[in-house]
Amino acid sequence: MSETVPSQIEEQPPIGIYTEDGVVREEVVVALQKAVEAGNSDTVRETFVDLHESEVGDIIEALHENARGACVELAGDDFDFAALTEVEESIRVNIVGNLANDKVASAVRALDSDDAVYILEDLSDDEREEILAQIPFQERIRLRRSLEYPEETAGRRMQTEFIAVPPFWTVGQVIDYVRAGEDLPDQFSQIFTIDPTFRLSGTLPLDTLIRAGRDVVISSIQEDNAHPILATLDQEAAAQVLEQYDLLSAPVIDDNGRLVGVLTIDDVVDVIQEEADEDIKRLAGVGNAELSDSVQNIARSRIVWLAINLFTAVLASLVIGLFDATIQQMVALAILMPIVASMGGNAGTQTMTVAVRALATKDIDTYNARQIVRKELIVGLLNGLLFAVIMGVVAGFWFGIPSLSIVIAVAMVVNMVFAAAAGILIPIALDKAGADPAIASGVFVTTVTDVVGFFAFLGLAAWWFGV
C-alpha cells in the first residue's frame, strides 16, 4: 500500500500590511507604536524590511504624530527617506525638522535629485542652507539649481541624473560607457545626445540602442524630435506633454536649450494626482489644507471663501427682501423658492465642474468653446423643461393653485438655463483673464443661480398674482 506524498507543500501567503479596503492594518500600526514607545529599534527596522517606500509612507502617516519622528530615528540608516515623499507636507516637514541636519544631509545624498528637492523645498531657508552646506559641492550645485526654479515647474520636478553622450559615438561606446559609469542614474529609459555646448540634439530609446550593432553611429538612429520641456514650464503643462506623446520620460532644457534634467513618468503621475487634488479642494474653497494640519491652519484656509460666500448669501437675501410683501401674501412662495435655487445651484455646479476640468486638461480651446457653450445651454434647457414639468405637477397638487404651477415651471427653466450658462462661461472668462477658474468659479456660479432663481420665481409670482 503506497502513500501519496504531495510533490509541493503549499505555503500560506504572507499577510500584507493592508486590509482589503487598502487601509494599513491596525495590528501593524499598534505593534510599531508599541515598539517605538519601548525604544525597540530592532522591531522598527524589521517592520520596514522589504517594504516599498510608498508602504513605509502609509505606515508613517498611520502612526500617532508624536511617534513618527521617533520611529524614523529608531530605524536609523535602514529608513528609506524616499518614503517621506509619499506623506503629507506637514508630516514631512515635522519629521525632517526634528532630525539632525547631518543626518538629513546624509539621507538626501542617497536619494535621486528629484526626491531630494521634494524634501528640501518645504524647509525654511536657514534649515535648507545648513543641510546643503554638508553636501559635496557638485551635488549641492545640482540641487540648488533645481531649487532656484519656481515652485510647481518642470525644473523643480526634474531629475538631474541622466545619461548624455555626443551623437558621433557608436552604440558600442555608449554601452561601454553605461556599464563603466559610476555617477549614472539607477534607472533610465532613454539616452540623450548633446552638442559640445550641452544643447540637446536628440534622444535614443533603450530598445533602439539594444537592437543596434556596436559599430552603428548614434546620430543615425537617434530620434531628433525629442519633445523637450522648458524648465520653467508649469508642471501640469509638462505632464500633459508626456501624456500627449505617450512618453516614459522627457528631456528638460533651460532657456538656452541646454539639457539640465529629465522628467520621468513617476513624477508625472504624482503631478497629475496633486493637480487633481488641488482642483477639487479649490472648487470646494478649502485651500491647500491637509488632514494632518492643525485645527488653526485648517480653519484659516477656509475662512476667506466662507466670508466671500457670506457676502454672496447676503446679496441673495437682498433679492428676497425686494419681494417680502409678495411672500407675505402667498406663503407657498417661501416654501417653493429654495427648490428653484437649489436645482439651479446643482445644475451650475455640474457644468462648472466639467468646464474647470476641461480647461485644466486643455480640452476647451478657441476652436470648440462656442460649440461646447451651445451644447451646455441646450442641456440646461432640456433639463429645465423636464424638471419644470415635474415641479409644476407637484406644486399644483401640493397647493391646489394651477397658476402657481406655471410660475415655478417657468422659473425653473429660466434658472436652469442661466445655471448652465454661468457654469460654462464663468470658468472660461476667469481662464481668459489669467485667473485660476478652480478657485473662484464656485462662488460666482452659486451667486448667479441664487440671485437669478429667486428673482425669476418671486418676480414672476409678483407680476402674475399682482402682489
Protein backbone atom coordinates (compact mmCIF):
# COMPACT_ATOMS: atom_id res chain seq x y z
CA MET A 1 0.00 0.00 0.00
CA SER A 2 1.59 3.23 -1.15
CA GLU A 3 1.17 6.60 0.45
CA THR A 4 0.75 9.65 -1.72
CA VAL A 5 3.16 12.41 -0.80
CA PRO A 6 2.43 15.87 -2.17
CA SER A 7 5.17 16.97 -4.53
CA GLN A 8 4.95 20.53 -3.30
CA ILE A 9 3.82 21.94 0.04
CA GLU A 10 1.67 24.98 -0.42
CA GLU A 11 2.63 27.75 1.93
CA GLN A 12 0.18 30.34 3.16
CA PRO A 13 0.92 33.70 1.57
CA PRO A 14 2.26 36.28 3.98
CA ILE A 15 -0.25 38.75 5.36
CA GLY A 16 0.30 42.16 3.80
CA ILE A 17 0.24 45.46 5.62
CA TYR A 18 -3.08 46.49 4.04
CA THR A 19 -6.65 45.39 4.62
CA GLU A 20 -8.95 44.56 1.71
CA ASP A 21 -10.03 48.22 1.74
CA GLY A 22 -6.46 49.40 1.21
CA VAL A 23 -6.00 50.68 4.77
CA VAL A 24 -2.89 49.89 6.84
CA ARG A 25 -3.73 47.02 9.18
CA GLU A 26 -4.40 48.07 12.74
CA GLU A 27 -2.19 45.32 14.17
CA VAL A 28 0.77 46.62 12.15
CA VAL A 29 0.30 50.16 13.47
CA VAL A 30 -0.27 49.03 17.07
CA ALA A 31 2.81 46.77 17.08
CA LEU A 32 5.00 49.51 15.61
CA GLN A 33 3.59 52.08 18.02
CA LYS A 34 4.48 49.87 20.98
CA ALA A 35 7.96 49.25 19.59
CA VAL A 36 8.55 52.99 19.24
CA GLU A 37 7.32 53.67 22.78
CA ALA A 38 9.63 50.93 24.07
CA GLY A 39 12.56 52.22 22.00
CA ASN A 40 12.90 48.83 20.27
CA SER A 41 14.90 49.68 17.15
CA ASP A 42 15.14 46.04 16.01
CA THR A 43 11.36 45.70 15.72
CA VAL A 44 11.12 49.04 13.92
CA ARG A 45 13.79 48.00 11.42
CA GLU A 46 12.15 44.61 10.84
CA THR A 47 8.80 46.28 10.17
CA PHE A 48 10.23 48.27 7.27
CA VAL A 49 12.27 45.43 5.73
CA ASP A 50 11.36 44.74 2.09
CA LEU A 51 8.60 47.37 2.08
CA HIS A 52 8.21 49.81 -0.79
CA GLU A 53 8.72 53.48 0.01
CA SER A 54 5.01 54.17 -0.51
CA GLU A 55 4.11 51.44 2.00
CA VAL A 56 6.53 52.90 4.53
CA GLY A 57 4.95 56.30 3.94
CA ASP A 58 1.46 54.94 4.62
CA ILE A 59 2.63 53.37 7.88
CA ILE A 60 4.29 56.61 8.99
CA GLU A 61 1.08 58.53 8.33
CA ALA A 62 -0.93 55.96 10.29
CA LEU A 63 1.25 56.39 13.40
CA HIS A 64 0.41 58.87 16.13
CA GLU A 65 2.01 62.23 15.36
CA ASN A 66 4.23 62.02 18.46
CA ALA A 67 5.67 58.66 17.34
CA ARG A 68 6.58 59.47 13.73
CA GLY A 69 9.87 61.25 14.34
CA ALA A 70 10.97 58.72 16.94
CA CYS A 71 10.15 55.91 14.53
CA VAL A 72 12.43 57.38 11.85
CA GLU A 73 15.19 57.86 14.44
CA LEU A 74 14.93 54.25 15.61
CA ALA A 75 15.01 52.92 12.05
CA GLY A 76 18.38 54.65 11.58
CA ASP A 77 20.19 54.06 8.32
CA ASP A 78 17.65 51.39 7.32
CA PHE A 79 14.96 54.04 6.86
CA ASP A 80 14.40 54.95 3.21
CA PHE A 81 14.00 58.73 3.11
CA ALA A 82 12.21 58.40 -0.22
CA ALA A 83 9.22 57.35 1.90
CA LEU A 84 8.92 60.95 3.08
CA THR A 85 7.94 61.97 -0.45
CA GLU A 86 4.85 59.80 -0.01
CA VAL A 87 3.49 61.56 3.11
CA GLU A 88 1.66 64.85 3.54
CA GLU A 89 3.75 68.01 3.58
CA SER A 90 3.06 68.92 7.22
CA ILE A 91 4.14 65.42 8.36
CA ARG A 92 7.29 65.54 6.23
CA VAL A 93 8.30 68.99 7.49
CA ASN A 94 7.71 67.97 11.11
CA ILE A 95 9.82 64.81 10.81
CA VAL A 96 12.70 66.41 8.92
CA GLY A 97 12.66 69.46 11.18
CA ASN A 98 13.23 67.28 14.26
CA LEU A 99 16.18 65.38 12.79
CA ALA A 100 19.81 66.46 13.00
CA ASN A 101 20.95 68.32 9.87
CA ASP A 102 23.88 65.99 9.30
CA LYS A 103 21.53 63.00 9.28
CA VAL A 104 19.20 64.73 6.80
CA ALA A 105 22.16 65.69 4.60
CA SER A 106 23.41 62.10 4.56
CA ALA A 107 19.93 60.80 3.72
CA VAL A 108 19.38 63.37 0.97
CA ARG A 109 22.62 62.34 -0.73
CA ALA A 110 21.29 58.80 -1.13
CA LEU A 111 18.13 59.99 -2.90
CA ASP A 112 17.51 60.78 -6.53
CA SER A 113 17.78 64.53 -7.08
CA ASP A 114 14.03 64.98 -7.70
CA ASP A 115 13.19 63.29 -4.38
CA ALA A 116 15.87 65.29 -2.59
CA VAL A 117 14.46 68.57 -3.93
CA TYR A 118 10.95 67.45 -2.96
CA ILE A 119 12.07 67.13 0.66
CA LEU A 120 14.30 70.22 0.80
CA GLU A 121 11.87 72.66 -0.83
CA ASP A 122 9.46 72.56 2.12
CA LEU A 123 12.08 73.52 4.69
CA SER A 124 12.91 77.05 5.83
CA ASP A 125 15.73 78.84 4.03
CA ASP A 126 18.06 78.57 7.03
CA GLU A 127 17.44 74.83 7.52
CA ARG A 128 17.87 74.15 3.82
CA GLU A 129 21.16 76.05 3.63
CA GLU A 130 22.55 74.26 6.69
CA ILE A 131 21.75 70.91 5.11
CA LEU A 132 23.10 71.85 1.67
CA ALA A 133 26.34 73.06 3.26
CA GLN A 134 27.04 69.47 4.35
CA ILE A 135 26.61 68.03 0.85
CA PRO A 136 29.56 67.75 -1.59
CA PHE A 137 30.00 70.66 -3.98
CA GLN A 138 28.81 69.10 -7.27
CA GLU A 139 25.69 67.57 -5.71
CA ARG A 140 24.98 70.82 -3.88
CA ILE A 141 25.17 72.82 -7.12
CA ARG A 142 22.70 70.49 -8.87
CA LEU A 143 20.22 70.66 -6.00
CA ARG A 144 20.48 74.44 -5.72
CA ARG A 145 19.90 74.81 -9.46
CA SER A 146 16.67 72.81 -9.19
CA LEU A 147 15.57 74.75 -6.11
CA GLU A 148 16.09 78.04 -7.94
CA TYR A 149 13.31 77.23 -10.38
CA PRO A 150 9.82 78.40 -9.35
CA GLU A 151 7.60 76.01 -7.44
CA GLU A 152 5.35 73.70 -9.47
CA THR A 153 7.55 73.90 -12.57
CA ALA A 154 9.31 71.17 -14.53
CA GLY A 155 12.63 72.37 -13.14
CA ARG A 156 11.51 71.56 -9.61
CA ARG A 157 10.25 68.13 -10.65
CA MET A 158 13.10 67.04 -12.89
CA GLN A 159 15.81 64.55 -12.05
CA THR A 160 19.29 65.92 -12.69
CA GLU A 161 20.86 62.47 -13.08
CA PHE A 162 20.75 61.45 -16.74
CA ILE A 163 22.94 59.93 -19.45
CA ALA A 164 24.10 62.27 -22.22
CA VAL A 165 26.57 61.36 -24.98
CA PRO A 166 27.82 63.01 -28.19
CA PRO A 167 25.94 61.94 -31.34
CA PHE A 168 29.15 60.79 -33.08
CA TRP A 169 29.71 57.96 -30.60
CA THR A 170 28.94 54.41 -31.66
CA VAL A 171 26.49 52.08 -29.95
CA GLY A 172 29.42 50.10 -28.55
CA GLN A 173 30.95 53.21 -26.97
CA VAL A 174 27.65 54.13 -25.34
CA ILE A 175 27.12 50.63 -23.92
CA ASP A 176 30.65 50.53 -22.53
CA TYR A 177 30.18 53.99 -21.02
CA VAL A 178 26.94 52.98 -19.34
CA ARG A 179 28.48 49.79 -17.95
CA ALA A 180 31.52 51.60 -16.53
CA GLY A 181 29.73 54.73 -15.36
CA GLU A 182 29.66 55.31 -11.60
CA ASP A 183 27.68 58.55 -11.39
CA LEU A 184 24.75 57.50 -13.57
CA PRO A 185 21.08 57.08 -12.68
CA ASP A 186 20.00 53.66 -11.42
CA GLN A 187 17.01 53.55 -13.75
CA PHE A 188 16.52 55.19 -17.14
CA SER A 189 14.55 54.55 -20.32
CA GLN A 190 16.42 56.70 -22.82
CA ILE A 191 19.79 58.30 -23.53
CA PHE A 192 20.21 61.89 -24.70
CA THR A 193 22.62 63.23 -27.29
CA ILE A 194 24.15 66.68 -26.88
CA ASP A 195 26.46 69.00 -28.79
CA PRO A 196 29.72 70.43 -27.31
CA THR A 197 27.75 73.28 -25.65
CA PHE A 198 25.45 70.76 -23.93
CA ARG A 199 22.49 71.68 -26.12
CA LEU A 200 20.04 68.88 -26.69
CA SER A 201 20.49 67.13 -30.05
CA GLY A 202 18.19 64.10 -29.80
CA THR A 203 17.10 61.07 -27.80
CA LEU A 204 17.85 57.38 -28.05
CA PRO A 205 15.38 54.89 -26.52
CA LEU A 206 17.00 51.89 -24.85
CA ASP A 207 15.18 49.40 -27.07
CA THR A 208 16.68 51.08 -30.15
CA LEU A 209 20.14 51.04 -28.57
CA ILE A 210 19.98 47.36 -27.64
CA ARG A 211 18.83 46.25 -31.10
CA ALA A 212 21.55 48.17 -32.98
CA GLY A 213 25.01 46.82 -33.80
CA ARG A 214 28.03 48.05 -31.87
CA ASP A 215 29.50 49.90 -34.84
CA VAL A 216 26.36 51.90 -35.61
CA VAL A 217 26.77 55.66 -35.05
CA ILE A 218 24.26 57.13 -32.59
CA SER A 219 23.30 60.07 -34.84
CA SER A 220 21.97 57.62 -37.45
CA ILE A 221 19.46 56.00 -35.07
CA GLN A 222 18.58 58.81 -32.63
CA GLU A 223 15.17 60.49 -32.57
CA ASP A 224 15.55 64.16 -33.47
CA ASN A 225 12.08 65.14 -32.22
CA ALA A 226 12.84 64.86 -28.51
CA HIS A 227 9.78 66.80 -27.22
CA PRO A 228 11.92 68.86 -24.83
CA ILE A 229 10.28 70.57 -21.87
CA LEU A 230 11.34 74.04 -20.73
CA ALA A 231 12.46 74.01 -17.10
CA THR A 232 10.24 77.00 -16.29
CA LEU A 233 7.13 75.35 -17.77
CA ASP A 234 4.29 74.70 -15.31
CA GLN A 235 4.40 71.13 -14.04
CA GLU A 236 0.83 70.44 -15.19
CA ALA A 237 1.63 71.55 -18.73
CA ALA A 238 4.80 69.43 -18.62
CA ALA A 239 2.78 66.40 -17.54
CA GLN A 240 0.45 66.94 -20.49
CA VAL A 241 3.43 66.71 -22.87
CA LEU A 242 4.30 63.23 -21.60
CA GLU A 243 0.64 62.25 -21.70
CA GLN A 244 0.11 63.55 -25.24
CA TYR A 245 3.11 61.77 -26.73
CA ASP A 246 2.96 58.64 -24.52
CA LEU A 247 6.48 59.20 -23.18
CA LEU A 248 8.15 57.41 -20.29
CA SER A 249 10.49 60.38 -19.84
CA ALA A 250 11.30 63.68 -21.49
CA PRO A 251 14.37 65.95 -21.51
CA VAL A 252 14.22 69.23 -19.61
CA ILE A 253 16.10 72.20 -21.08
CA ASP A 254 16.92 75.72 -19.89
CA ASP A 255 16.21 78.97 -21.77
CA ASN A 256 19.33 78.43 -23.90
CA GLY A 257 18.34 74.92 -24.96
CA ARG A 258 20.91 73.21 -22.73
CA LEU A 259 19.97 69.87 -21.21
CA VAL A 260 19.54 70.26 -17.44
CA GLY A 261 17.47 67.25 -16.42
CA VAL A 262 14.86 64.64 -17.22
CA LEU A 263 11.20 64.41 -16.24
CA THR A 264 10.06 60.82 -15.66
CA ILE A 265 6.63 59.21 -15.72
CA ASP A 266 6.58 58.52 -11.97
CA ASP A 267 6.91 62.25 -11.33
CA VAL A 268 4.17 62.95 -13.86
CA VAL A 269 1.77 60.58 -12.08
CA ASP A 270 2.42 62.49 -8.85
CA VAL A 271 1.84 65.80 -10.63
CA ILE A 272 -1.47 64.65 -12.11
CA GLN A 273 -2.64 63.43 -8.71
CA GLU A 274 -1.56 66.63 -6.96
CA GLU A 275 -3.17 68.89 -9.55
CA ALA A 276 -6.44 66.94 -9.45
CA ASP A 277 -6.41 67.08 -5.65
CA GLU A 278 -5.68 70.81 -5.78
CA ASP A 279 -8.53 71.47 -8.22
CA ILE A 280 -11.02 69.54 -6.08
CA LYS A 281 -10.01 71.47 -2.97
CA ARG A 282 -10.19 74.80 -4.75
CA LEU A 283 -13.63 74.05 -6.14
CA ALA A 284 -14.78 73.49 -2.58
CA GLY A 285 -12.92 76.55 -1.28
CA VAL A 286 -10.86 74.65 1.30
CA GLY A 287 -7.41 75.91 0.23
CA ASN A 288 -4.38 73.65 0.45
CA ALA A 289 -5.03 72.37 3.96
CA GLU A 290 -4.26 68.70 4.63
CA LEU A 291 -5.82 66.24 7.05
CA SER A 292 -2.70 66.29 9.19
CA ASP A 293 -2.70 70.09 9.54
CA SER A 294 -3.58 71.76 12.83
CA VAL A 295 -7.13 72.94 13.57
CA GLN A 296 -5.97 76.57 13.29
CA ASN A 297 -4.44 76.07 9.83
CA ILE A 298 -7.48 74.23 8.51
CA ALA A 299 -9.86 76.88 9.86
CA ARG A 300 -7.69 79.69 8.44
CA SER A 301 -7.62 78.10 4.99
CA ARG A 302 -11.42 78.06 4.82
CA ILE A 303 -12.25 81.45 6.32
CA VAL A 304 -11.65 83.53 3.18
CA TRP A 305 -14.07 81.69 0.94
CA LEU A 306 -16.63 81.31 3.70
CA ALA A 307 -16.53 85.10 4.12
CA ILE A 308 -17.00 85.59 0.37
CA ASN A 309 -19.84 83.09 0.41
CA LEU A 310 -21.44 85.03 3.28
CA PHE A 311 -21.35 88.18 1.15
CA THR A 312 -23.00 86.43 -1.80
CA ALA A 313 -25.63 84.93 0.52
CA VAL A 314 -26.46 88.41 1.78
CA LEU A 315 -26.80 89.51 -1.86
CA ALA A 316 -29.31 86.72 -2.49
CA SER A 317 -31.17 87.68 0.69
CA LEU A 318 -31.46 91.28 -0.54
CA VAL A 319 -33.17 89.96 -3.68
CA ILE A 320 -35.63 88.07 -1.48
CA GLY A 321 -36.17 91.23 0.57
CA LEU A 322 -37.40 93.03 -2.56
CA PHE A 323 -40.38 90.68 -2.62
CA ASP A 324 -41.19 90.45 1.09
CA ALA A 325 -44.72 91.73 0.52
CA THR A 326 -45.30 89.09 -2.15
CA ILE A 327 -44.08 86.32 0.16
CA GLN A 328 -46.33 87.55 2.99
CA GLN A 329 -49.35 87.38 0.69
CA MET A 330 -48.54 83.86 -0.50
CA VAL A 331 -46.68 81.64 1.97
CA ALA A 332 -46.33 78.91 -0.67
CA LEU A 333 -43.66 81.02 -2.38
CA ALA A 334 -41.42 80.79 0.69
CA ILE A 335 -41.79 77.01 0.64
CA LEU A 336 -41.05 76.59 -3.05
CA MET A 337 -38.33 79.17 -3.75
CA PRO A 338 -35.46 77.16 -2.18
CA ILE A 339 -36.26 74.36 -4.64
CA VAL A 340 -35.71 76.63 -7.64
CA ALA A 341 -32.43 77.99 -6.27
CA SER A 342 -31.19 74.55 -5.22
CA MET A 343 -31.86 72.96 -8.60
CA GLY A 344 -30.10 75.81 -10.36
CA GLY A 345 -27.15 75.58 -7.98
CA ASN A 346 -26.71 71.86 -8.56
CA ALA A 347 -27.01 72.22 -12.33
CA GLY A 348 -24.49 75.05 -12.33
CA THR A 349 -22.04 73.05 -10.22
CA GLN A 350 -22.29 70.09 -12.60
CA THR A 351 -21.50 72.25 -15.63
CA MET A 352 -18.79 74.18 -13.77
CA THR A 353 -17.01 71.00 -12.65
CA VAL A 354 -16.88 69.68 -16.21
CA ALA A 355 -15.71 73.06 -17.51
CA VAL A 356 -12.95 73.52 -14.93
CA ARG A 357 -11.60 70.03 -15.55
CA ALA A 358 -11.76 70.50 -19.33
CA LEU A 359 -9.84 73.77 -19.03
CA ALA A 360 -7.22 72.08 -16.86
CA THR A 361 -6.71 69.33 -19.45
CA LYS A 362 -6.82 71.82 -22.37
CA ASP A 363 -9.91 70.15 -23.84
CA ILE A 364 -11.56 73.56 -24.26
CA ASP A 365 -9.90 75.97 -26.69
CA THR A 366 -10.85 78.79 -29.04
CA TYR A 367 -11.93 76.31 -31.71
CA ASN A 368 -14.51 74.37 -29.74
CA ALA A 369 -15.51 76.79 -26.95
CA ARG A 370 -18.56 78.14 -28.78
CA GLN A 371 -19.79 74.65 -29.62
CA ILE A 372 -19.37 73.48 -26.02
CA VAL A 373 -21.20 76.54 -24.66
CA ARG A 374 -24.08 75.95 -27.06
CA LYS A 375 -24.24 72.28 -26.06
CA GLU A 376 -24.35 73.12 -22.33
CA LEU A 377 -27.12 75.68 -22.89
CA ILE A 378 -29.21 73.08 -24.73
CA VAL A 379 -28.59 70.58 -21.91
CA GLY A 380 -29.68 73.22 -19.38
CA LEU A 381 -32.82 73.93 -21.39
CA LEU A 382 -33.76 70.26 -21.72
CA ASN A 383 -33.19 69.57 -18.02
CA GLY A 384 -35.08 72.74 -17.15
CA LEU A 385 -38.09 71.67 -19.21
CA LEU A 386 -38.08 68.19 -17.68
CA PHE A 387 -37.95 69.35 -14.07
CA ALA A 388 -40.30 72.25 -14.81
CA VAL A 389 -42.99 69.73 -15.76
CA ILE A 390 -42.25 67.58 -12.69
CA MET A 391 -42.19 70.52 -10.26
CA GLY A 392 -45.24 72.13 -11.87
CA VAL A 393 -47.30 68.98 -11.33
CA VAL A 394 -46.04 68.62 -7.74
CA ALA A 395 -46.78 72.27 -6.89
CA GLY A 396 -50.24 72.03 -8.44
CA PHE A 397 -51.23 69.01 -6.34
CA TRP A 398 -49.45 70.36 -3.26
CA PHE A 399 -51.10 73.79 -3.06
CA GLY A 400 -54.03 73.42 -5.45
CA ILE A 401 -53.13 76.62 -7.33
CA PRO A 402 -52.73 75.90 -11.07
CA SER A 403 -51.22 79.32 -11.82
CA LEU A 404 -48.50 78.70 -9.21
CA SER A 405 -47.51 75.59 -11.18
CA ILE A 406 -46.91 77.74 -14.27
CA VAL A 407 -44.85 80.28 -12.31
CA ILE A 408 -42.50 77.72 -10.78
CA ALA A 409 -42.19 75.84 -14.07
CA VAL A 410 -41.13 78.97 -15.96
CA ALA A 411 -38.76 79.99 -13.16
CA MET A 412 -37.21 76.51 -13.19
CA VAL A 413 -36.49 76.69 -16.92
CA VAL A 414 -35.02 80.20 -16.65
CA ASN A 415 -32.76 79.31 -13.73
CA MET A 416 -31.54 76.02 -15.23
CA VAL A 417 -30.54 77.80 -18.47
CA PHE A 418 -28.79 80.57 -16.56
CA ALA A 419 -27.07 77.95 -14.38
CA ALA A 420 -25.71 76.17 -17.45
CA ALA A 421 -24.53 79.48 -18.92
CA ALA A 422 -22.85 80.54 -15.68
CA GLY A 423 -21.31 77.11 -15.16
CA ILE A 424 -19.54 77.18 -18.52
CA LEU A 425 -18.96 80.89 -19.19
CA ILE A 426 -17.60 81.94 -15.77
CA PRO A 427 -14.72 79.39 -15.75
CA ILE A 428 -13.86 80.27 -19.37
CA ALA A 429 -13.90 84.01 -18.57
CA LEU A 430 -11.71 83.53 -15.50
CA ASP A 431 -9.28 81.41 -17.51
CA LYS A 432 -9.08 84.07 -20.24
CA ALA A 433 -8.43 86.71 -17.57
CA GLY A 434 -5.47 84.68 -16.27
CA ALA A 435 -7.19 83.64 -13.02
CA ASP A 436 -7.49 80.05 -11.84
CA PRO A 437 -11.10 79.03 -12.65
CA ALA A 438 -10.99 76.34 -9.95
CA ILE A 439 -10.61 78.95 -7.20
CA ALA A 440 -13.38 81.47 -7.83
CA SER A 441 -15.88 79.76 -10.14
CA GLY A 442 -17.91 78.11 -7.39
CA VAL A 443 -18.75 81.33 -5.56
CA PHE A 444 -19.71 83.21 -8.73
CA VAL A 445 -21.81 80.37 -10.14
CA THR A 446 -23.68 79.93 -6.83
CA THR A 447 -24.34 83.67 -6.70
CA VAL A 448 -25.77 83.72 -10.22
CA THR A 449 -28.05 80.72 -9.66
CA ASP A 450 -29.33 82.02 -6.30
CA VAL A 451 -29.97 85.56 -7.49
CA VAL A 452 -31.50 84.52 -10.82
CA GLY A 453 -33.55 81.76 -9.19
CA PHE A 454 -35.05 83.96 -6.50
CA PHE A 455 -35.57 86.91 -8.84
CA ALA A 456 -37.18 84.81 -11.58
CA PHE A 457 -39.52 82.93 -9.25
CA LEU A 458 -40.54 85.80 -6.97
CA GLY A 459 -40.61 88.34 -9.79
CA LEU A 460 -42.88 86.15 -11.92
CA ALA A 461 -45.10 85.49 -8.90
CA ALA A 462 -45.38 89.21 -8.09
CA TRP A 463 -46.27 90.01 -11.71
CA TRP A 464 -48.66 87.07 -12.15
CA PHE A 465 -50.60 87.44 -8.91
CA GLY A 466 -50.29 91.22 -8.72
CA VAL A 467 -48.98 91.24 -5.12
